Amino acid sequence: MGEKTSKNRPRQVSRLKIKLFLILRDGLECYWCSQLFDTKSPPTIEHVEPLSHGGTWAFSNLKLTHKECNQRRADSWPYQEEF
């Protein structure tokens, strides 16, 4: 997969491929809380540098997180929020 640098949200099929790539790269635990994903809390795509702050869909800017962890962080930078 090539590096995706667009700010536009990818199609659903592309998002599934992105999740698969991130699972293969990073494993099956949340970037923020380090807990494993399961069927009750599946992974969501997190932008380390939020799109609202100039972040992109580049793989280097993407991590997998629980939905709750992603929402708690909102669009803050990693050093602005304690996890």
N, C-alpha and C. Protein backbone atom coordinates (compact mmCIF):
# COMPACT_ATOMS: atom_id res chain seq x y z
N MET A 1 0.85 -1.19 0.00
CA MET A 1 0.00 0.00 0.00
C MET A 1 0.88 1.24 0.00
N GLY A 2 0.58 2.18 -0.85
CA GLY A 2 1.34 3.43 -0.89
C GLY A 2 0.94 4.35 0.25
N GLU A 3 1.74 5.34 0.49
CA GLU A 3 1.47 6.31 1.55
C GLU A 3 0.31 7.20 1.14
N LYS A 4 -0.75 7.23 1.90
CA LYS A 4 -1.93 8.03 1.60
C LYS A 4 -1.77 9.38 2.30
N THR A 5 -1.72 10.45 1.54
CA THR A 5 -1.47 11.76 2.12
C THR A 5 -2.65 12.71 1.99
N SER A 6 -3.74 12.25 1.45
CA SER A 6 -4.92 13.09 1.26
C SER A 6 -5.57 13.42 2.59
N LYS A 7 -6.18 14.61 2.66
CA LYS A 7 -6.98 14.96 3.83
C LYS A 7 -8.39 14.43 3.70
N ASN A 8 -8.78 14.01 2.49
CA ASN A 8 -10.12 13.50 2.27
C ASN A 8 -10.27 12.12 2.90
N ARG A 9 -11.44 11.89 3.46
CA ARG A 9 -11.73 10.61 4.10
C ARG A 9 -11.82 9.52 3.02
N PRO A 10 -11.11 8.42 3.20
CA PRO A 10 -11.16 7.35 2.20
C PRO A 10 -12.51 6.63 2.20
N ARG A 11 -12.82 5.98 1.09
CA ARG A 11 -14.04 5.17 0.99
C ARG A 11 -14.00 4.05 2.03
N GLN A 12 -15.16 3.48 2.32
CA GLN A 12 -15.26 2.43 3.34
C GLN A 12 -14.34 1.25 3.04
N VAL A 13 -14.29 0.80 1.78
CA VAL A 13 -13.41 -0.33 1.43
C VAL A 13 -11.96 0.02 1.72
N SER A 14 -11.57 1.23 1.38
CA SER A 14 -10.20 1.65 1.65
C SER A 14 -9.92 1.71 3.15
N ARG A 15 -10.90 2.14 3.94
CA ARG A 15 -10.73 2.21 5.39
C ARG A 15 -10.50 0.82 5.98
N LEU A 16 -11.19 -0.19 5.44
CA LEU A 16 -10.97 -1.57 5.91
C LEU A 16 -9.55 -2.02 5.59
N LYS A 17 -9.05 -1.68 4.42
CA LYS A 17 -7.67 -2.02 4.05
C LYS A 17 -6.68 -1.28 4.94
N ILE A 18 -6.98 -0.04 5.27
CA ILE A 18 -6.11 0.73 6.15
C ILE A 18 -6.06 0.08 7.54
N LYS A 19 -7.23 -0.33 8.06
CA LYS A 19 -7.27 -0.99 9.37
C LYS A 19 -6.45 -2.28 9.35
N LEU A 20 -6.58 -3.05 8.28
CA LEU A 20 -5.82 -4.29 8.18
C LEU A 20 -4.32 -4.00 8.17
N PHE A 21 -3.90 -3.02 7.40
CA PHE A 21 -2.49 -2.63 7.37
C PHE A 21 -2.01 -2.22 8.77
N LEU A 22 -2.82 -1.41 9.48
CA LEU A 22 -2.43 -0.94 10.81
C LEU A 22 -2.36 -2.09 11.82
N ILE A 23 -3.27 -3.07 11.70
CA ILE A 23 -3.23 -4.25 12.58
C ILE A 23 -1.95 -5.03 12.32
N LEU A 24 -1.61 -5.22 11.05
CA LEU A 24 -0.38 -5.94 10.72
C LEU A 24 0.86 -5.18 11.20
N ARG A 25 0.82 -3.86 11.12
CA ARG A 25 1.97 -3.05 11.53
C ARG A 25 2.08 -2.92 13.04
N ASP A 26 0.95 -2.65 13.72
CA ASP A 26 0.99 -2.27 15.13
C ASP A 26 0.45 -3.32 16.10
N GLY A 27 -0.24 -4.33 15.59
CA GLY A 27 -0.82 -5.33 16.49
C GLY A 27 -2.26 -5.00 16.84
N LEU A 28 -2.77 -5.71 17.82
CA LEU A 28 -4.19 -5.63 18.18
C LEU A 28 -4.45 -4.92 19.50
N GLU A 29 -3.64 -3.91 19.83
CA GLU A 29 -3.91 -3.17 21.05
C GLU A 29 -4.04 -1.68 20.77
N CYS A 30 -4.82 -1.02 21.60
CA CYS A 30 -5.10 0.41 21.46
C CYS A 30 -3.82 1.23 21.66
N TYR A 31 -3.63 2.19 20.80
CA TYR A 31 -2.46 3.08 20.87
C TYR A 31 -2.43 3.86 22.18
N TRP A 32 -3.61 4.25 22.71
CA TRP A 32 -3.66 5.08 23.90
C TRP A 32 -3.67 4.29 25.20
N CYS A 33 -4.49 3.24 25.29
CA CYS A 33 -4.62 2.55 26.58
C CYS A 33 -3.93 1.19 26.62
N SER A 34 -3.42 0.72 25.48
CA SER A 34 -2.69 -0.55 25.36
C SER A 34 -3.53 -1.80 25.65
N GLN A 35 -4.85 -1.65 25.75
CA GLN A 35 -5.74 -2.79 25.93
C GLN A 35 -6.05 -3.41 24.57
N LEU A 36 -6.30 -4.73 24.56
CA LEU A 36 -6.61 -5.42 23.32
C LEU A 36 -8.00 -5.05 22.81
N PHE A 37 -8.17 -5.07 21.50
CA PHE A 37 -9.48 -4.87 20.88
C PHE A 37 -10.26 -6.18 20.98
N ASP A 38 -11.60 -6.07 20.98
CA ASP A 38 -12.46 -7.24 20.92
C ASP A 38 -13.74 -6.85 20.18
N THR A 39 -14.68 -7.77 20.10
CA THR A 39 -15.90 -7.50 19.34
C THR A 39 -16.75 -6.40 19.96
N LYS A 40 -16.63 -6.19 21.27
CA LYS A 40 -17.38 -5.12 21.93
C LYS A 40 -16.69 -3.77 21.81
N SER A 41 -15.41 -3.78 21.56
CA SER A 41 -14.67 -2.52 21.39
C SER A 41 -13.67 -2.69 20.23
N PRO A 42 -14.20 -2.68 19.00
CA PRO A 42 -13.33 -2.84 17.82
C PRO A 42 -12.47 -1.60 17.60
N PRO A 43 -11.42 -1.73 16.80
CA PRO A 43 -10.53 -0.59 16.57
C PRO A 43 -11.15 0.47 15.66
N THR A 44 -10.78 1.72 15.94
CA THR A 44 -11.10 2.84 15.06
C THR A 44 -9.79 3.46 14.62
N ILE A 45 -9.83 4.18 13.52
CA ILE A 45 -8.62 4.83 13.01
C ILE A 45 -8.44 6.17 13.70
N GLU A 46 -7.28 6.39 14.27
CA GLU A 46 -6.92 7.61 15.00
C GLU A 46 -5.85 8.37 14.22
N HIS A 47 -5.99 9.66 14.12
CA HIS A 47 -4.95 10.51 13.52
C HIS A 47 -4.11 11.08 14.67
N VAL A 48 -2.84 10.75 14.73
CA VAL A 48 -1.98 11.26 15.80
C VAL A 48 -1.93 12.78 15.71
N GLU A 49 -1.68 13.31 14.54
CA GLU A 49 -1.81 14.75 14.30
C GLU A 49 -3.22 14.94 13.74
N PRO A 50 -4.14 15.52 14.50
CA PRO A 50 -5.54 15.61 14.06
C PRO A 50 -5.69 16.32 12.72
N LEU A 51 -6.69 15.88 11.95
CA LEU A 51 -6.96 16.52 10.67
C LEU A 51 -7.21 18.02 10.85
N SER A 52 -7.86 18.39 11.95
CA SER A 52 -8.16 19.80 12.22
C SER A 52 -6.91 20.64 12.49
N HIS A 53 -5.78 19.96 12.73
CA HIS A 53 -4.51 20.66 12.97
C HIS A 53 -3.53 20.43 11.83
N GLY A 54 -4.05 20.02 10.67
CA GLY A 54 -3.18 19.83 9.51
C GLY A 54 -2.73 18.40 9.26
N GLY A 55 -3.19 17.45 10.06
CA GLY A 55 -2.83 16.05 9.86
C GLY A 55 -3.42 15.50 8.58
N THR A 56 -2.88 14.38 8.13
CA THR A 56 -3.34 13.76 6.89
C THR A 56 -3.66 12.29 7.14
N TRP A 57 -4.03 11.59 6.07
CA TRP A 57 -4.28 10.16 6.11
C TRP A 57 -3.02 9.36 5.82
N ALA A 58 -1.83 9.96 5.96
CA ALA A 58 -0.57 9.23 5.77
C ALA A 58 -0.48 8.13 6.83
N PHE A 59 0.00 6.96 6.44
CA PHE A 59 0.10 5.85 7.40
C PHE A 59 0.93 6.22 8.62
N SER A 60 1.91 7.06 8.45
CA SER A 60 2.75 7.46 9.58
C SER A 60 1.96 8.29 10.60
N ASN A 61 0.80 8.81 10.22
CA ASN A 61 -0.03 9.61 11.11
C ASN A 61 -1.22 8.82 11.66
N LEU A 62 -1.32 7.54 11.33
CA LEU A 62 -2.48 6.75 11.73
C LEU A 62 -2.14 5.69 12.75
N LYS A 63 -3.00 5.52 13.73
CA LYS A 63 -2.90 4.48 14.75
C LYS A 63 -4.30 3.91 14.97
N LEU A 64 -4.40 2.75 15.59
CA LEU A 64 -5.68 2.17 15.95
C LEU A 64 -5.95 2.40 17.43
N THR A 65 -7.18 2.80 17.74
CA THR A 65 -7.57 3.05 19.13
C THR A 65 -8.99 2.54 19.35
N HIS A 66 -9.37 2.40 20.62
CA HIS A 66 -10.77 2.16 20.94
C HIS A 66 -11.54 3.44 20.63
N LYS A 67 -12.80 3.29 20.29
CA LYS A 67 -13.64 4.45 19.99
C LYS A 67 -13.67 5.41 21.18
N GLU A 68 -13.76 4.86 22.38
CA GLU A 68 -13.83 5.70 23.58
C GLU A 68 -12.54 6.50 23.78
N CYS A 69 -11.40 5.85 23.56
CA CYS A 69 -10.11 6.54 23.71
C CYS A 69 -9.98 7.64 22.66
N ASN A 70 -10.41 7.35 21.44
CA ASN A 70 -10.34 8.32 20.35
C ASN A 70 -11.24 9.51 20.66
N GLN A 71 -12.45 9.27 21.13
CA GLN A 71 -13.37 10.36 21.43
C GLN A 71 -12.92 11.18 22.62
N ARG A 72 -12.32 10.53 23.62
CA ARG A 72 -11.83 11.25 24.80
C ARG A 72 -10.73 12.22 24.42
N ARG A 73 -9.89 11.80 23.49
CA ARG A 73 -8.79 12.65 23.04
C ARG A 73 -9.30 13.79 22.17
N ALA A 74 -10.35 13.56 21.40
CA ALA A 74 -10.92 14.56 20.48
C ALA A 74 -9.86 15.02 19.49
N ASP A 75 -9.66 16.32 19.36
CA ASP A 75 -8.66 16.80 18.39
C ASP A 75 -7.44 17.42 19.08
N SER A 76 -7.17 16.98 20.32
CA SER A 76 -6.00 17.49 21.03
C SER A 76 -4.75 16.75 20.57
N TRP A 77 -3.61 17.34 20.83
CA TRP A 77 -2.33 16.72 20.51
C TRP A 77 -1.99 15.73 21.61
N PRO A 78 -1.17 14.72 21.33
CA PRO A 78 -0.85 13.71 22.35
C PRO A 78 -0.32 14.30 23.65
N TYR A 79 0.48 15.35 23.59
CA TYR A 79 1.06 15.91 24.81
C TYR A 79 0.09 16.83 25.54
N GLN A 80 -1.08 17.12 24.95
CA GLN A 80 -2.07 17.98 25.63
C GLN A 80 -2.97 17.19 26.55
N GLU A 81 -3.01 15.89 26.37
CA GLU A 81 -3.96 15.04 27.10
C GLU A 81 -3.21 13.94 27.82
N GLU A 82 -3.54 13.70 29.06
CA GLU A 82 -2.93 12.62 29.82
C GLU A 82 -3.77 11.37 29.64
N PHE A 83 -3.14 10.26 29.30
CA PHE A 83 -3.84 8.98 29.17
C PHE A 83 -3.23 7.99 30.09
